[in-house]
mmCIF file of all heavy atoms, coordinates in Angstrom:
data_MODEL
# 
_entry.id   MODEL 
# 
loop_
_atom_site.group_PDB 
_atom_site.id 
_atom_site.type_symbol 
_atom_site.label_atom_id 
_atom_site.label_alt_id 
_atom_site.label_comp_id 
_atom_site.label_asym_id 
_atom_site.label_entity_id 
_atom_site.label_seq_id 
_atom_site.pdbx_PDB_ins_code 
_atom_site.Cartn_x 
_atom_site.Cartn_y 
_atom_site.Cartn_z 
_atom_site.occupancy 
_atom_site.B_iso_or_equiv 
_atom_site.pdbx_formal_charge 
_atom_site.auth_seq_id 
_atom_site.auth_comp_id 
_atom_site.auth_asym_id 
_atom_site.auth_atom_id 
_atom_site.pdbx_PDB_model_num 
ATOM 1   N N   . ALA A 1 1  ? 88.101 118.704 97.394  1.00 0.00 ? 1  ALA A N   1 
ATOM 2   C CA  . ALA A 1 1  ? 86.898 117.982 97.024  1.00 0.00 ? 1  ALA A CA  1 
ATOM 3   C C   . ALA A 1 1  ? 85.907 117.910 98.207  1.00 0.00 ? 1  ALA A C   1 
ATOM 4   O O   . ALA A 1 1  ? 84.693 118.009 98.026  1.00 0.00 ? 1  ALA A O   1 
ATOM 5   C CB  . ALA A 1 1  ? 87.249 116.546 96.576  1.00 0.00 ? 1  ALA A CB  1 
ATOM 6   N N   . ASP A 1 2  ? 86.351 117.756 99.457  1.00 0.00 ? 2  ASP A N   1 
ATOM 7   C CA  . ASP A 1 2  ? 85.527 117.697 100.602 1.00 0.00 ? 2  ASP A CA  1 
ATOM 8   C C   . ASP A 1 2  ? 84.668 118.936 100.724 1.00 0.00 ? 2  ASP A C   1 
ATOM 9   O O   . ASP A 1 2  ? 83.478 118.896 101.001 1.00 0.00 ? 2  ASP A O   1 
ATOM 10  C CB  . ASP A 1 2  ? 86.309 117.681 101.920 1.00 0.00 ? 2  ASP A CB  1 
ATOM 11  C CG  . ASP A 1 2  ? 86.946 116.259 102.127 1.00 0.00 ? 2  ASP A CG  1 
ATOM 12  O OD1 . ASP A 1 2  ? 86.509 115.300 101.485 1.00 0.00 ? 2  ASP A OD1 1 
ATOM 13  O OD2 . ASP A 1 2  ? 87.826 116.238 102.923 1.00 0.00 ? 2  ASP A OD2 1 
ATOM 14  N N   . THR A 1 3  ? 85.251 120.123 100.395 1.00 0.00 ? 3  THR A N   1 
ATOM 15  C CA  . THR A 1 3  ? 84.492 121.409 100.420 1.00 0.00 ? 3  THR A CA  1 
ATOM 16  C C   . THR A 1 3  ? 83.410 121.437 99.399  1.00 0.00 ? 3  THR A C   1 
ATOM 17  O O   . THR A 1 3  ? 82.251 121.838 99.605  1.00 0.00 ? 3  THR A O   1 
ATOM 18  C CB  . THR A 1 3  ? 85.425 122.615 100.329 1.00 0.00 ? 3  THR A CB  1 
ATOM 19  O OG1 . THR A 1 3  ? 86.427 122.524 101.292 1.00 0.00 ? 3  THR A OG1 1 
ATOM 20  C CG2 . THR A 1 3  ? 84.763 123.926 100.364 1.00 0.00 ? 3  THR A CG2 1 
ATOM 21  N N   . VAL A 1 4  ? 83.712 121.056 98.174  1.00 0.00 ? 4  VAL A N   1 
ATOM 22  C CA  . VAL A 1 4  ? 82.821 121.037 97.086  1.00 0.00 ? 4  VAL A CA  1 
ATOM 23  C C   . VAL A 1 4  ? 81.694 120.124 97.307  1.00 0.00 ? 4  VAL A C   1 
ATOM 24  O O   . VAL A 1 4  ? 80.514 120.533 97.206  1.00 0.00 ? 4  VAL A O   1 
ATOM 25  C CB  . VAL A 1 4  ? 83.594 120.806 95.799  1.00 0.00 ? 4  VAL A CB  1 
ATOM 26  C CG1 . VAL A 1 4  ? 82.606 120.720 94.591  1.00 0.00 ? 4  VAL A CG1 1 
ATOM 27  C CG2 . VAL A 1 4  ? 84.571 121.864 95.443  1.00 0.00 ? 4  VAL A CG2 1 
ATOM 28  N N   . ILE A 1 5  ? 81.934 118.860 97.711  1.00 0.00 ? 5  ILE A N   1 
ATOM 29  C CA  . ILE A 1 5  ? 80.978 117.831 98.035  1.00 0.00 ? 5  ILE A CA  1 
ATOM 30  C C   . ILE A 1 5  ? 80.074 118.387 99.031  1.00 0.00 ? 5  ILE A C   1 
ATOM 31  O O   . ILE A 1 5  ? 78.828 118.158 99.062  1.00 0.00 ? 5  ILE A O   1 
ATOM 32  C CB  . ILE A 1 5  ? 81.654 116.524 98.368  1.00 0.00 ? 5  ILE A CB  1 
ATOM 33  C CG1 . ILE A 1 5  ? 82.314 115.935 97.126  1.00 0.00 ? 5  ILE A CG1 1 
ATOM 34  C CG2 . ILE A 1 5  ? 80.546 115.521 98.900  1.00 0.00 ? 5  ILE A CG2 1 
ATOM 35  C CD1 . ILE A 1 5  ? 81.394 115.541 95.951  1.00 0.00 ? 5  ILE A CD1 1 
ATOM 36  N N   . GLU A 1 6  ? 80.563 119.021 100.144 1.00 0.00 ? 6  GLU A N   1 
ATOM 37  C CA  . GLU A 1 6  ? 79.776 119.509 101.267 1.00 0.00 ? 6  GLU A CA  1 
ATOM 38  C C   . GLU A 1 6  ? 78.806 120.427 100.745 1.00 0.00 ? 6  GLU A C   1 
ATOM 39  O O   . GLU A 1 6  ? 77.562 120.495 101.094 1.00 0.00 ? 6  GLU A O   1 
ATOM 40  C CB  . GLU A 1 6  ? 80.616 120.080 102.382 1.00 0.00 ? 6  GLU A CB  1 
ATOM 41  C CG  . GLU A 1 6  ? 79.858 120.537 103.487 1.00 0.00 ? 6  GLU A CG  1 
ATOM 42  C CD  . GLU A 1 6  ? 80.663 121.151 104.600 1.00 0.00 ? 6  GLU A CD  1 
ATOM 43  O OE1 . GLU A 1 6  ? 81.867 120.804 104.627 1.00 0.00 ? 6  GLU A OE1 1 
ATOM 44  O OE2 . GLU A 1 6  ? 80.204 121.887 105.381 1.00 0.00 ? 6  GLU A OE2 1 
ATOM 45  N N   . TYR A 1 7  ? 79.206 121.381 99.851  1.00 0.00 ? 7  TYR A N   1 
ATOM 46  C CA  . TYR A 1 7  ? 78.275 122.379 99.270  1.00 0.00 ? 7  TYR A CA  1 
ATOM 47  C C   . TYR A 1 7  ? 77.159 121.718 98.445  1.00 0.00 ? 7  TYR A C   1 
ATOM 48  O O   . TYR A 1 7  ? 75.996 122.204 98.542  1.00 0.00 ? 7  TYR A O   1 
ATOM 49  C CB  . TYR A 1 7  ? 79.101 123.304 98.371  1.00 0.00 ? 7  TYR A CB  1 
ATOM 50  C CG  . TYR A 1 7  ? 78.228 124.389 97.733  1.00 0.00 ? 7  TYR A CG  1 
ATOM 51  C CD1 . TYR A 1 7  ? 77.972 125.547 98.501  1.00 0.00 ? 7  TYR A CD1 1 
ATOM 52  C CD2 . TYR A 1 7  ? 77.720 124.216 96.465  1.00 0.00 ? 7  TYR A CD2 1 
ATOM 53  C CE1 . TYR A 1 7  ? 77.162 126.587 97.919  1.00 0.00 ? 7  TYR A CE1 1 
ATOM 54  C CE2 . TYR A 1 7  ? 76.942 125.223 95.885  1.00 0.00 ? 7  TYR A CE2 1 
ATOM 55  C CZ  . TYR A 1 7  ? 76.689 126.356 96.614  1.00 0.00 ? 7  TYR A CZ  1 
ATOM 56  O OH  . TYR A 1 7  ? 75.928 127.403 96.020  1.00 0.00 ? 7  TYR A OH  1 
ATOM 57  N N   . PHE A 1 8  ? 77.405 120.634 97.749  1.00 0.00 ? 8  PHE A N   1 
ATOM 58  C CA  . PHE A 1 8  ? 76.419 120.028 97.005  1.00 0.00 ? 8  PHE A CA  1 
ATOM 59  C C   . PHE A 1 8  ? 75.749 118.858 97.678  1.00 0.00 ? 8  PHE A C   1 
ATOM 60  O O   . PHE A 1 8  ? 74.849 118.174 97.043  1.00 0.00 ? 8  PHE A O   1 
ATOM 61  C CB  . PHE A 1 8  ? 77.025 119.471 95.638  1.00 0.00 ? 8  PHE A CB  1 
ATOM 62  C CG  . PHE A 1 8  ? 77.410 120.568 94.674  1.00 0.00 ? 8  PHE A CG  1 
ATOM 63  C CD1 . PHE A 1 8  ? 78.539 121.180 94.700  1.00 0.00 ? 8  PHE A CD1 1 
ATOM 64  C CD2 . PHE A 1 8  ? 76.356 121.130 93.827  1.00 0.00 ? 8  PHE A CD2 1 
ATOM 65  C CE1 . PHE A 1 8  ? 78.879 122.175 93.775  1.00 0.00 ? 8  PHE A CE1 1 
ATOM 66  C CE2 . PHE A 1 8  ? 76.549 122.135 93.025  1.00 0.00 ? 8  PHE A CE2 1 
ATOM 67  C CZ  . PHE A 1 8  ? 77.891 122.679 92.959  1.00 0.00 ? 8  PHE A CZ  1 
ATOM 68  N N   . SER A 1 9  ? 75.935 118.661 98.910  1.00 0.00 ? 9  SER A N   1 
ATOM 69  C CA  . SER A 1 9  ? 75.388 117.557 99.727  1.00 0.00 ? 9  SER A CA  1 
ATOM 70  C C   . SER A 1 9  ? 73.899 117.548 99.789  1.00 0.00 ? 9  SER A C   1 
ATOM 71  O O   . SER A 1 9  ? 73.301 116.493 99.969  1.00 0.00 ? 9  SER A O   1 
ATOM 72  C CB  . SER A 1 9  ? 76.023 117.400 101.142 1.00 0.00 ? 9  SER A CB  1 
ATOM 73  O OG  . SER A 1 9  ? 75.646 118.554 101.862 1.00 0.00 ? 9  SER A OG  1 
ATOM 74  N N   . HIS A 1 10 ? 73.237 118.641 99.689  1.00 0.00 ? 10 HIS A N   1 
ATOM 75  C CA  . HIS A 1 10 ? 71.725 118.727 99.785  1.00 0.00 ? 10 HIS A CA  1 
ATOM 76  C C   . HIS A 1 10 ? 71.124 118.649 98.393  1.00 0.00 ? 10 HIS A C   1 
ATOM 77  O O   . HIS A 1 10 ? 69.792 118.350 98.343  1.00 0.00 ? 10 HIS A O   1 
ATOM 78  C CB  . HIS A 1 10 ? 71.375 119.970 100.513 1.00 0.00 ? 10 HIS A CB  1 
ATOM 79  C CG  . HIS A 1 10 ? 71.853 120.015 101.861 1.00 0.00 ? 10 HIS A CG  1 
ATOM 80  N ND1 . HIS A 1 10 ? 71.502 119.180 102.893 1.00 0.00 ? 10 HIS A ND1 1 
ATOM 81  C CD2 . HIS A 1 10 ? 72.773 120.878 102.497 1.00 0.00 ? 10 HIS A CD2 1 
ATOM 82  C CE1 . HIS A 1 10 ? 72.103 119.427 103.983 1.00 0.00 ? 10 HIS A CE1 1 
ATOM 83  N NE2 . HIS A 1 10 ? 72.914 120.466 103.803 1.00 0.00 ? 10 HIS A NE2 1 
ATOM 84  N N   . ILE A 1 11 ? 71.817 118.820 97.330  1.00 0.00 ? 11 ILE A N   1 
ATOM 85  C CA  . ILE A 1 11 ? 71.213 118.777 96.002  1.00 0.00 ? 11 ILE A CA  1 
ATOM 86  C C   . ILE A 1 11 ? 71.683 117.711 95.063  1.00 0.00 ? 11 ILE A C   1 
ATOM 87  O O   . ILE A 1 11 ? 71.041 117.397 94.123  1.00 0.00 ? 11 ILE A O   1 
ATOM 88  C CB  . ILE A 1 11 ? 71.342 120.224 95.302  1.00 0.00 ? 11 ILE A CB  1 
ATOM 89  C CG1 . ILE A 1 11 ? 72.764 120.590 95.247  1.00 0.00 ? 11 ILE A CG1 1 
ATOM 90  C CG2 . ILE A 1 11 ? 70.434 121.170 96.053  1.00 0.00 ? 11 ILE A CG2 1 
ATOM 91  C CD1 . ILE A 1 11 ? 72.950 121.867 94.452  1.00 0.00 ? 11 ILE A CD1 1 
ATOM 92  N N   . GLY A 1 12 ? 72.909 117.151 95.386  1.00 0.00 ? 12 GLY A N   1 
ATOM 93  C CA  . GLY A 1 12 ? 73.514 116.153 94.451  1.00 0.00 ? 12 GLY A CA  1 
ATOM 94  C C   . GLY A 1 12 ? 74.060 116.815 93.258  1.00 0.00 ? 12 GLY A C   1 
ATOM 95  O O   . GLY A 1 12 ? 73.938 118.046 93.068  1.00 0.00 ? 12 GLY A O   1 
ATOM 96  N N   . ALA A 1 13 ? 74.708 116.037 92.429  1.00 0.00 ? 13 ALA A N   1 
ATOM 97  C CA  . ALA A 1 13 ? 75.311 116.573 91.130  1.00 0.00 ? 13 ALA A CA  1 
ATOM 98  C C   . ALA A 1 13 ? 75.791 115.391 90.351  1.00 0.00 ? 13 ALA A C   1 
ATOM 99  O O   . ALA A 1 13 ? 75.858 114.254 90.874  1.00 0.00 ? 13 ALA A O   1 
ATOM 100 C CB  . ALA A 1 13 ? 76.468 117.558 91.453  1.00 0.00 ? 13 ALA A CB  1 
ATOM 101 N N   . GLU A 1 14 ? 76.211 115.661 89.132  1.00 0.00 ? 14 GLU A N   1 
ATOM 102 C CA  . GLU A 1 14 ? 76.910 114.648 88.264  1.00 0.00 ? 14 GLU A CA  1 
ATOM 103 C C   . GLU A 1 14 ? 78.335 114.674 88.749  1.00 0.00 ? 14 GLU A C   1 
ATOM 104 O O   . GLU A 1 14 ? 78.934 115.744 89.098  1.00 0.00 ? 14 GLU A O   1 
ATOM 105 C CB  . GLU A 1 14 ? 76.819 115.078 86.805  1.00 0.00 ? 14 GLU A CB  1 
ATOM 106 C CG  . GLU A 1 14 ? 75.407 115.053 86.293  1.00 0.00 ? 14 GLU A CG  1 
ATOM 107 C CD  . GLU A 1 14 ? 75.371 115.557 84.857  1.00 0.00 ? 14 GLU A CD  1 
ATOM 108 O OE1 . GLU A 1 14 ? 76.123 116.372 84.505  1.00 0.00 ? 14 GLU A OE1 1 
ATOM 109 O OE2 . GLU A 1 14 ? 74.418 115.166 84.245  1.00 0.00 ? 14 GLU A OE2 1 
ATOM 110 N N   . VAL A 1 15 ? 78.940 113.547 88.777  1.00 0.00 ? 15 VAL A N   1 
ATOM 111 C CA  . VAL A 1 15 ? 80.369 113.407 89.259  1.00 0.00 ? 15 VAL A CA  1 
ATOM 112 C C   . VAL A 1 15 ? 81.176 112.685 88.290  1.00 0.00 ? 15 VAL A C   1 
ATOM 113 O O   . VAL A 1 15 ? 80.885 111.630 87.817  1.00 0.00 ? 15 VAL A O   1 
ATOM 114 C CB  . VAL A 1 15 ? 80.458 112.719 90.622  1.00 0.00 ? 15 VAL A CB  1 
ATOM 115 C CG1 . VAL A 1 15 ? 81.960 112.602 91.106  1.00 0.00 ? 15 VAL A CG1 1 
ATOM 116 C CG2 . VAL A 1 15 ? 79.641 113.476 91.686  1.00 0.00 ? 15 VAL A CG2 1 
ATOM 117 N N   . ALA A 1 16 ? 82.318 113.329 87.897  1.00 0.00 ? 16 ALA A N   1 
ATOM 118 C CA  . ALA A 1 16 ? 83.330 112.679 87.034  1.00 0.00 ? 16 ALA A CA  1 
ATOM 119 C C   . ALA A 1 16 ? 84.619 112.498 87.752  1.00 0.00 ? 16 ALA A C   1 
ATOM 120 O O   . ALA A 1 16 ? 85.249 113.391 88.275  1.00 0.00 ? 16 ALA A O   1 
ATOM 121 C CB  . ALA A 1 16 ? 83.615 113.546 85.773  1.00 0.00 ? 16 ALA A CB  1 
ATOM 122 N N   . LEU A 1 17 ? 84.970 111.195 88.105  1.00 0.00 ? 17 LEU A N   1 
ATOM 123 C CA  . LEU A 1 17 ? 86.078 110.758 88.840  1.00 0.00 ? 17 LEU A CA  1 
ATOM 124 C C   . LEU A 1 17 ? 87.308 110.497 88.032  1.00 0.00 ? 17 LEU A C   1 
ATOM 125 O O   . LEU A 1 17 ? 87.184 109.697 87.023  1.00 0.00 ? 17 LEU A O   1 
ATOM 126 C CB  . LEU A 1 17 ? 85.793 109.737 89.773  1.00 0.00 ? 17 LEU A CB  1 
ATOM 127 C CG  . LEU A 1 17 ? 84.767 109.757 90.846  1.00 0.00 ? 17 LEU A CG  1 
ATOM 128 C CD1 . LEU A 1 17 ? 84.470 108.539 91.556  1.00 0.00 ? 17 LEU A CD1 1 
ATOM 129 C CD2 . LEU A 1 17 ? 85.216 110.870 91.849  1.00 0.00 ? 17 LEU A CD2 1 
ATOM 130 N N   . GLU A 1 18 ? 88.454 110.994 88.324  1.00 0.00 ? 18 GLU A N   1 
ATOM 131 C CA  . GLU A 1 18 ? 89.713 110.669 87.675  1.00 0.00 ? 18 GLU A CA  1 
ATOM 132 C C   . GLU A 1 18 ? 90.013 109.208 87.990  1.00 0.00 ? 18 GLU A C   1 
ATOM 133 O O   . GLU A 1 18 ? 90.520 108.523 87.051  1.00 0.00 ? 18 GLU A O   1 
ATOM 134 C CB  . GLU A 1 18 ? 90.808 111.596 88.074  1.00 0.00 ? 18 GLU A CB  1 
ATOM 135 C CG  . GLU A 1 18 ? 92.145 111.355 87.411  1.00 0.00 ? 18 GLU A CG  1 
ATOM 136 C CD  . GLU A 1 18 ? 93.208 112.211 87.916  1.00 0.00 ? 18 GLU A CD  1 
ATOM 137 O OE1 . GLU A 1 18 ? 93.461 112.314 89.178  1.00 0.00 ? 18 GLU A OE1 1 
ATOM 138 O OE2 . GLU A 1 18 ? 93.896 112.785 87.055  1.00 0.00 ? 18 GLU A OE2 1 
ATOM 139 N N   . SER A 1 19 ? 89.780 108.789 89.215  1.00 0.00 ? 19 SER A N   1 
ATOM 140 C CA  . SER A 1 19 ? 89.906 107.340 89.527  1.00 0.00 ? 19 SER A CA  1 
ATOM 141 C C   . SER A 1 19 ? 88.924 106.965 90.625  1.00 0.00 ? 19 SER A C   1 
ATOM 142 O O   . SER A 1 19 ? 88.574 107.830 91.424  1.00 0.00 ? 19 SER A O   1 
ATOM 143 C CB  . SER A 1 19 ? 91.429 107.051 89.988  1.00 0.00 ? 19 SER A CB  1 
ATOM 144 O OG  . SER A 1 19 ? 91.643 107.608 91.201  1.00 0.00 ? 19 SER A OG  1 
ATOM 145 N N   . ASP A 1 20 ? 88.566 105.685 90.721  1.00 0.00 ? 20 ASP A N   1 
ATOM 146 C CA  . ASP A 1 20 ? 87.511 105.189 91.641  1.00 0.00 ? 20 ASP A CA  1 
ATOM 147 C C   . ASP A 1 20 ? 87.869 105.507 93.108  1.00 0.00 ? 20 ASP A C   1 
ATOM 148 O O   . ASP A 1 20 ? 87.026 105.698 93.884  1.00 0.00 ? 20 ASP A O   1 
ATOM 149 C CB  . ASP A 1 20 ? 87.248 103.740 91.452  1.00 0.00 ? 20 ASP A CB  1 
ATOM 150 C CG  . ASP A 1 20 ? 86.596 103.427 90.087  1.00 0.00 ? 20 ASP A CG  1 
ATOM 151 O OD1 . ASP A 1 20 ? 86.014 104.358 89.523  1.00 0.00 ? 20 ASP A OD1 1 
ATOM 152 O OD2 . ASP A 1 20 ? 86.663 102.295 89.728  1.00 0.00 ? 20 ASP A OD2 1 
ATOM 153 N N   . ASP A 1 21 ? 89.162 105.388 93.399  1.00 0.00 ? 21 ASP A N   1 
ATOM 154 C CA  . ASP A 1 21 ? 89.550 105.579 94.886  1.00 0.00 ? 21 ASP A CA  1 
ATOM 155 C C   . ASP A 1 21 ? 89.374 107.041 95.393  1.00 0.00 ? 21 ASP A C   1 
ATOM 156 O O   . ASP A 1 21 ? 89.558 107.286 96.568  1.00 0.00 ? 21 ASP A O   1 
ATOM 157 C CB  . ASP A 1 21 ? 90.964 105.012 95.054  1.00 0.00 ? 21 ASP A CB  1 
ATOM 158 C CG  . ASP A 1 21 ? 91.981 105.922 94.326  1.00 0.00 ? 21 ASP A CG  1 
ATOM 159 O OD1 . ASP A 1 21 ? 91.714 106.506 93.364  1.00 0.00 ? 21 ASP A OD1 1 
ATOM 160 O OD2 . ASP A 1 21 ? 93.126 105.870 94.846  1.00 0.00 ? 21 ASP A OD2 1 
ATOM 161 N N   . LEU A 1 22 ? 89.029 107.927 94.512  1.00 0.00 ? 22 LEU A N   1 
ATOM 162 C CA  . LEU A 1 22 ? 88.862 109.341 94.938  1.00 0.00 ? 22 LEU A CA  1 
ATOM 163 C C   . LEU A 1 22 ? 87.561 109.585 95.650  1.00 0.00 ? 22 LEU A C   1 
ATOM 164 O O   . LEU A 1 22 ? 87.402 110.549 96.409  1.00 0.00 ? 22 LEU A O   1 
ATOM 165 C CB  . LEU A 1 22 ? 89.003 110.318 93.860  1.00 0.00 ? 22 LEU A CB  1 
ATOM 166 C CG  . LEU A 1 22 ? 90.414 110.552 93.271  1.00 0.00 ? 22 LEU A CG  1 
ATOM 167 C CD1 . LEU A 1 22 ? 90.450 111.198 92.029  1.00 0.00 ? 22 LEU A CD1 1 
ATOM 168 C CD2 . LEU A 1 22 ? 91.194 111.213 94.342  1.00 0.00 ? 22 LEU A CD2 1 
ATOM 169 N N   . TRP A 1 23 ? 86.528 108.665 95.455  1.00 0.00 ? 23 TRP A N   1 
ATOM 170 C CA  . TRP A 1 23 ? 85.185 108.895 96.082  1.00 0.00 ? 23 TRP A CA  1 
ATOM 171 C C   . TRP A 1 23 ? 85.201 108.337 97.545  1.00 0.00 ? 23 TRP A C   1 
ATOM 172 O O   . TRP A 1 23 ? 85.616 107.231 97.843  1.00 0.00 ? 23 TRP A O   1 
ATOM 173 C CB  . TRP A 1 23 ? 84.121 108.178 95.223  1.00 0.00 ? 23 TRP A CB  1 
ATOM 174 C CG  . TRP A 1 23 ? 82.753 108.440 95.788  1.00 0.00 ? 23 TRP A CG  1 
ATOM 175 C CD1 . TRP A 1 23 ? 81.996 107.563 96.593  1.00 0.00 ? 23 TRP A CD1 1 
ATOM 176 C CD2 . TRP A 1 23 ? 82.087 109.670 95.657  1.00 0.00 ? 23 TRP A CD2 1 
ATOM 177 N NE1 . TRP A 1 23 ? 80.797 108.211 96.867  1.00 0.00 ? 23 TRP A NE1 1 
ATOM 178 C CE2 . TRP A 1 23 ? 80.872 109.536 96.326  1.00 0.00 ? 23 TRP A CE2 1 
ATOM 179 C CE3 . TRP A 1 23 ? 82.343 110.863 95.020  1.00 0.00 ? 23 TRP A CE3 1 
ATOM 180 C CZ2 . TRP A 1 23 ? 79.892 110.573 96.437  1.00 0.00 ? 23 TRP A CZ2 1 
ATOM 181 C CZ3 . TRP A 1 23 ? 81.381 111.876 95.067  1.00 0.00 ? 23 TRP A CZ3 1 
ATOM 182 C CH2 . TRP A 1 23 ? 80.179 111.685 95.735  1.00 0.00 ? 23 TRP A CH2 1 
ATOM 183 N N   . ASN A 1 24 ? 84.749 109.158 98.447  1.00 0.00 ? 24 ASN A N   1 
ATOM 184 C CA  . ASN A 1 24 ? 84.638 108.882 99.755  1.00 0.00 ? 24 ASN A CA  1 
ATOM 185 C C   . ASN A 1 24 ? 83.165 108.482 100.074 1.00 0.00 ? 24 ASN A C   1 
ATOM 186 O O   . ASN A 1 24 ? 82.339 109.303 99.882  1.00 0.00 ? 24 ASN A O   1 
ATOM 187 C CB  . ASN A 1 24 ? 85.050 110.069 100.717 1.00 0.00 ? 24 ASN A CB  1 
ATOM 188 C CG  . ASN A 1 24 ? 85.058 109.812 102.162 1.00 0.00 ? 24 ASN A CG  1 
ATOM 189 O OD1 . ASN A 1 24 ? 84.382 108.856 102.577 1.00 0.00 ? 24 ASN A OD1 1 
ATOM 190 N ND2 . ASN A 1 24 ? 85.800 110.525 102.861 1.00 0.00 ? 24 ASN A ND2 1 
# 
């Protein structure tokens, strides 16, 4: 997830979390 989020860090995206504690 860190790698994917870093790639989208400049444009943002829709995010579907399996559980709330996964979001940093």
